[in-house]
């Protein structure tokens, strides 16, 4: 039997669906929202709705944007001859925090993983290959250093090498199984500097 009235239970369940949020945290969040002023709750709800309505994938790299192209793809000062391939928009944001990388990105929106039935056609590999025209000198593979990330990197490397483009892999100063989004800027910067040919 539910402890709370149905509308509160529904609110708790919605928070509980968020990644990493257990039932106790969901209850705390729900009661926080119930305790704020109506304007604050409306601003929170409107921010969610606005993001869902306006945010979509960049037509070039697949990162999240509210325009046709993201700010990085539009920036003429970026080196469009170097493409850093990441599995998720959060990973591109992590690398941007280093303030050292001057190239552009390609976001796969996933990795190859037979266990979860994600194959090469389920992520944006074809879109990456379509970008490998004139002027691309290097593709940096920056997927996570776990089994699905390594599988994806090796698969992409085999596809890119026939183009005559340099393929490198981040030199990870982090443990296997960790994730880019949780890695500090200094470690990511060192990984970018020490990347190796694939």
Foldseek 3Di string as FASTA:
>chain_A
DDPDDVVLVVQLVVQCPDPPAHSVNSNVVSVVLVPDDPVVNVVVVVVVVVCVVQWFAAPQAGAIDRDNHHPLVVDPQAQAQEEEEEAHNLLVVLQVVLVPHRHYYHHFVHFDDVVVPDHPVNTCLVSVVVSPDPRHAEYEQEYAQEDRSVVRLVVSCVVCVVSVHFYWYFPAPDDHPDGNSPDHSVRSVNRVVPIGTD
